[in-house]
């Protein structure tokens, strides 16, 4: 058996090619196991819901790109929040809320 290198156990022992192949096979098995776990997670995704949500986000981006002023963009953002059922992280008027040093933004 040809000697190919130093073992990584710190003892400095030489290893033959068979041991390197076994290590490589074990690494491949670990990767395969991780891929199978990830595949299971991907299978749980509702693809149709994902497509609908993605279409809504793309539509919002197109709408936002039509804004020509910050004020117009702000109106479009607030309208989109309402249409998509996104709860604003502040209560009441934004400027008044932000000027209150005790106020907080709550993201849900």
C-alpha atoms as a PDB file:
ATOM      1  CA  UNK A   1       0.000   0.000   0.000  1.00  0.00           C
ATOM      2  CA  UNK A   2       1.505   3.391  -0.921  1.00  0.00           C
ATOM      3  CA  UNK A   3       1.846   5.893   1.904  1.00  0.00           C
ATOM      4  CA  UNK A   4       0.213   9.170   0.960  1.00  0.00           C
ATOM      5  CA  UNK A   5       0.365  11.576   3.873  1.00  0.00           C
ATOM      6  CA  UNK A   6       0.272  12.350   7.538  1.00  0.00           C
ATOM      7  CA  UNK A   7      -2.849  11.487   9.526  1.00  0.00           C
ATOM      8  CA  UNK A   8      -4.626  14.516  10.995  1.00  0.00           C
ATOM      9  CA  UNK A   9      -4.864  12.969  14.444  1.00  0.00           C
ATOM     10  CA  UNK A  10      -1.746  14.871  15.503  1.00  0.00           C
ATOM     11  CA  UNK A  11       0.314  11.731  16.072  1.00  0.00           C
ATOM     12  CA  UNK A  12       2.105  12.065  12.763  1.00  0.00           C
ATOM     13  CA  UNK A  13       1.224   8.547  11.633  1.00  0.00           C
ATOM     14  CA  UNK A  14       1.265   7.871   7.914  1.00  0.00           C
ATOM     15  CA  UNK A  15      -1.962   6.722   6.306  1.00  0.00           C
ATOM     16  CA  UNK A  16      -2.509   4.704   3.183  1.00  0.00           C
ATOM     17  CA  UNK A  17      -4.846   5.537   0.300  1.00  0.00           C
ATOM     18  CA  UNK A  18      -7.625   3.283   1.614  1.00  0.00           C
ATOM     19  CA  UNK A  19      -8.062   5.459   4.682  1.00  0.00           C
ATOM     20  CA  UNK A  20      -8.300   8.595   2.552  1.00  0.00           C
ATOM     21  CA  UNK A  21     -11.006   6.989   0.405  1.00  0.00           C
ATOM     22  CA  UNK A  22     -12.969   6.018   3.513  1.00  0.00           C
ATOM     23  CA  UNK A  23     -12.773   9.584   4.817  1.00  0.00           C
ATOM     24  CA  UNK A  24     -13.908  10.944   1.465  1.00  0.00           C
ATOM     25  CA  UNK A  25     -16.823   8.505   1.383  1.00  0.00           C
ATOM     26  CA  UNK A  26     -17.859   9.521   4.904  1.00  0.00           C
ATOM     27  CA  UNK A  27     -17.731  13.194   3.892  1.00  0.00           C
ATOM     28  CA  UNK A  28     -19.911  12.445   0.874  1.00  0.00           C
ATOM     29  CA  UNK A  29     -22.405  10.617   3.095  1.00  0.00           C
ATOM     30  CA  UNK A  30     -22.539  13.616   5.456  1.00  0.00           C
ATOM     31  CA  UNK A  31     -23.238  15.916   2.503  1.00  0.00           C
ATOM     32  CA  UNK A  32     -25.890  13.543   1.170  1.00  0.00           C
ATOM     33  CA  UNK A  33     -27.616  13.482   4.548  1.00  0.00           C
ATOM     34  CA  UNK A  34     -27.623  17.299   4.713  1.00  0.00           C
ATOM     35  CA  UNK A  35     -29.032  17.503   1.185  1.00  0.00           C
ATOM     36  CA  UNK A  36     -31.829  15.081   2.070  1.00  0.00           C
ATOM     37  CA  UNK A  37     -32.763  17.203   5.100  1.00  0.00           C
ATOM     38  CA  UNK A  38     -32.786  20.317   2.891  1.00  0.00           C
ATOM     39  CA  UNK A  39     -34.862  18.515   0.255  1.00  0.00           C
ATOM     40  CA  UNK A  40     -37.445  17.660   2.922  1.00  0.00           C
ATOM     41  CA  UNK A  41     -37.618  21.332   3.920  1.00  0.00           C
ATOM     42  CA  UNK A  42     -38.059  22.385   0.281  1.00  0.00           C
ATOM     43  CA  UNK A  43     -40.854  19.867  -0.183  1.00  0.00           C
ATOM     44  CA  UNK A  44     -42.781  21.622   2.601  1.00  0.00           C
ATOM     45  CA  UNK A  45     -42.971  24.883   0.629  1.00  0.00           C
ATOM     46  CA  UNK A  46     -46.342  25.667  -0.903  1.00  0.00           C
ATOM     47  CA  UNK A  47     -45.149  26.557  -4.408  1.00  0.00           C
ATOM     48  CA  UNK A  48     -48.437  28.115  -5.504  1.00  0.00           C
ATOM     49  CA  UNK A  49     -48.537  30.364  -2.423  1.00  0.00           C
ATOM     50  CA  UNK A  50     -44.890  31.278  -3.027  1.00  0.00           C
ATOM     51  CA  UNK A  51     -45.698  32.245  -6.639  1.00  0.00           C
ATOM     52  CA  UNK A  52     -48.680  34.370  -5.537  1.00  0.00           C
ATOM     53  CA  UNK A  53     -46.634  36.157  -2.877  1.00  0.00           C
ATOM     54  CA  UNK A  54     -43.770  36.749  -5.295  1.00  0.00           C
ATOM     55  CA  UNK A  55     -46.183  38.229  -7.858  1.00  0.00           C
ATOM     56  CA  UNK A  56     -47.530  40.604  -5.196  1.00  0.00           C
ATOM     57  CA  UNK A  57     -44.030  41.731  -4.222  1.00  0.00           C
ATOM     58  CA  UNK A  58     -43.022  42.246  -7.852  1.00  0.00           C
ATOM     59  CA  UNK A  59     -46.210  44.256  -8.423  1.00  0.00           C
ATOM     60  CA  UNK A  60     -45.367  46.427  -5.415  1.00  0.00           C
ATOM     61  CA  UNK A  61     -41.851  47.053  -6.719  1.00  0.00           C
ATOM     62  CA  UNK A  62     -43.246  48.117 -10.093  1.00  0.00           C
ATOM     63  CA  UNK A  63     -45.675  50.487  -8.365  1.00  0.00           C
ATOM     64  CA  UNK A  64     -42.932  51.932  -6.140  1.00  0.00           C
ATOM     65  CA  UNK A  65     -40.740  52.611  -9.179  1.00  0.00           C
ATOM     66  CA  UNK A  66     -43.415  54.952 -10.577  1.00  0.00           C
ATOM     67  CA  UNK A  67     -43.084  57.362  -7.635  1.00  0.00           C
ATOM     68  CA  UNK A  68     -41.403  60.628  -8.526  1.00  0.00           C
ATOM     69  CA  UNK A  69     -41.220  62.150  -5.024  1.00  0.00           C
ATOM     70  CA  UNK A  70     -40.620  60.906  -1.501  1.00  0.00           C
ATOM     71  CA  UNK A  71     -44.135  61.960  -0.542  1.00  0.00           C
ATOM     72  CA  UNK A  72     -45.645  59.953  -3.394  1.00  0.00           C
ATOM     73  CA  UNK A  73     -43.520  56.923  -2.490  1.00  0.00           C
ATOM     74  CA  UNK A  74     -44.672  57.218   1.123  1.00  0.00           C
ATOM     75  CA  UNK A  75     -48.326  57.148   0.034  1.00  0.00           C
ATOM     76  CA  UNK A  76     -47.674  54.139  -2.210  1.00  0.00           C
ATOM     77  CA  UNK A  77     -45.896  52.308   0.617  1.00  0.00           C
ATOM     78  CA  UNK A  78     -48.723  52.911   3.077  1.00  0.00           C
ATOM     79  CA  UNK A  79     -51.320  51.834   0.504  1.00  0.00           C
ATOM     80  CA  UNK A  80     -49.347  48.669  -0.192  1.00  0.00           C
ATOM     81  CA  UNK A  81     -49.039  47.928   3.536  1.00  0.00           C
ATOM     82  CA  UNK A  82     -52.803  48.142   3.830  1.00  0.00           C
ATOM     83  CA  UNK A  83     -53.529  46.073   0.685  1.00  0.00           C
ATOM     84  CA  UNK A  84     -51.097  43.317   1.753  1.00  0.00           C
ATOM     85  CA  UNK A  85     -52.264  43.297   5.357  1.00  0.00           C
ATOM     86  CA  UNK A  86     -48.879  44.392   6.687  1.00  0.00           C
ATOM     87  CA  UNK A  87     -49.197  46.016  10.077  1.00  0.00           C
ATOM     88  CA  UNK A  88     -47.323  49.306  10.404  1.00  0.00           C
ATOM     89  CA  UNK A  89     -44.717  49.303  13.186  1.00  0.00           C
ATOM     90  CA  UNK A  90     -46.028  52.621  14.550  1.00  0.00           C
ATOM     91  CA  UNK A  91     -49.374  53.994  15.674  1.00  0.00           C
ATOM     92  CA  UNK A  92     -51.026  57.129  14.289  1.00  0.00           C
ATOM     93  CA  UNK A  93     -49.048  59.814  12.489  1.00  0.00           C
ATOM     94  CA  UNK A  94     -45.512  58.661  11.670  1.00  0.00           C
ATOM     95  CA  UNK A  95     -43.814  62.032  12.256  1.00  0.00           C
ATOM     96  CA  UNK A  96     -45.564  62.509  15.600  1.00  0.00           C
ATOM     97  CA  UNK A  97     -44.690  58.950  16.594  1.00  0.00           C
ATOM     98  CA  UNK A  98     -41.016  59.407  15.681  1.00  0.00           C
ATOM     99  CA  UNK A  99     -40.770  62.706  17.540  1.00  0.00           C
ATOM    100  CA  UNK A 100     -41.890  60.982  20.777  1.00  0.00           C
ATOM    101  CA  UNK A 101     -38.661  59.868  22.484  1.00  0.00           C
ATOM    102  CA  UNK A 102     -40.586  57.159  24.365  1.00  0.00           C
ATOM    103  CA  UNK A 103     -42.218  55.696  21.281  1.00  0.00           C
ATOM    104  CA  UNK A 104     -40.981  52.459  19.800  1.00  0.00           C
ATOM    105  CA  UNK A 105     -41.376  50.723  16.469  1.00  0.00           C
ATOM    106  CA  UNK A 106     -42.871  47.250  16.823  1.00  0.00           C
ATOM    107  CA  UNK A 107     -42.351  44.892  13.886  1.00  0.00           C
ATOM    108  CA  UNK A 108     -44.624  41.863  13.840  1.00  0.00           C
END
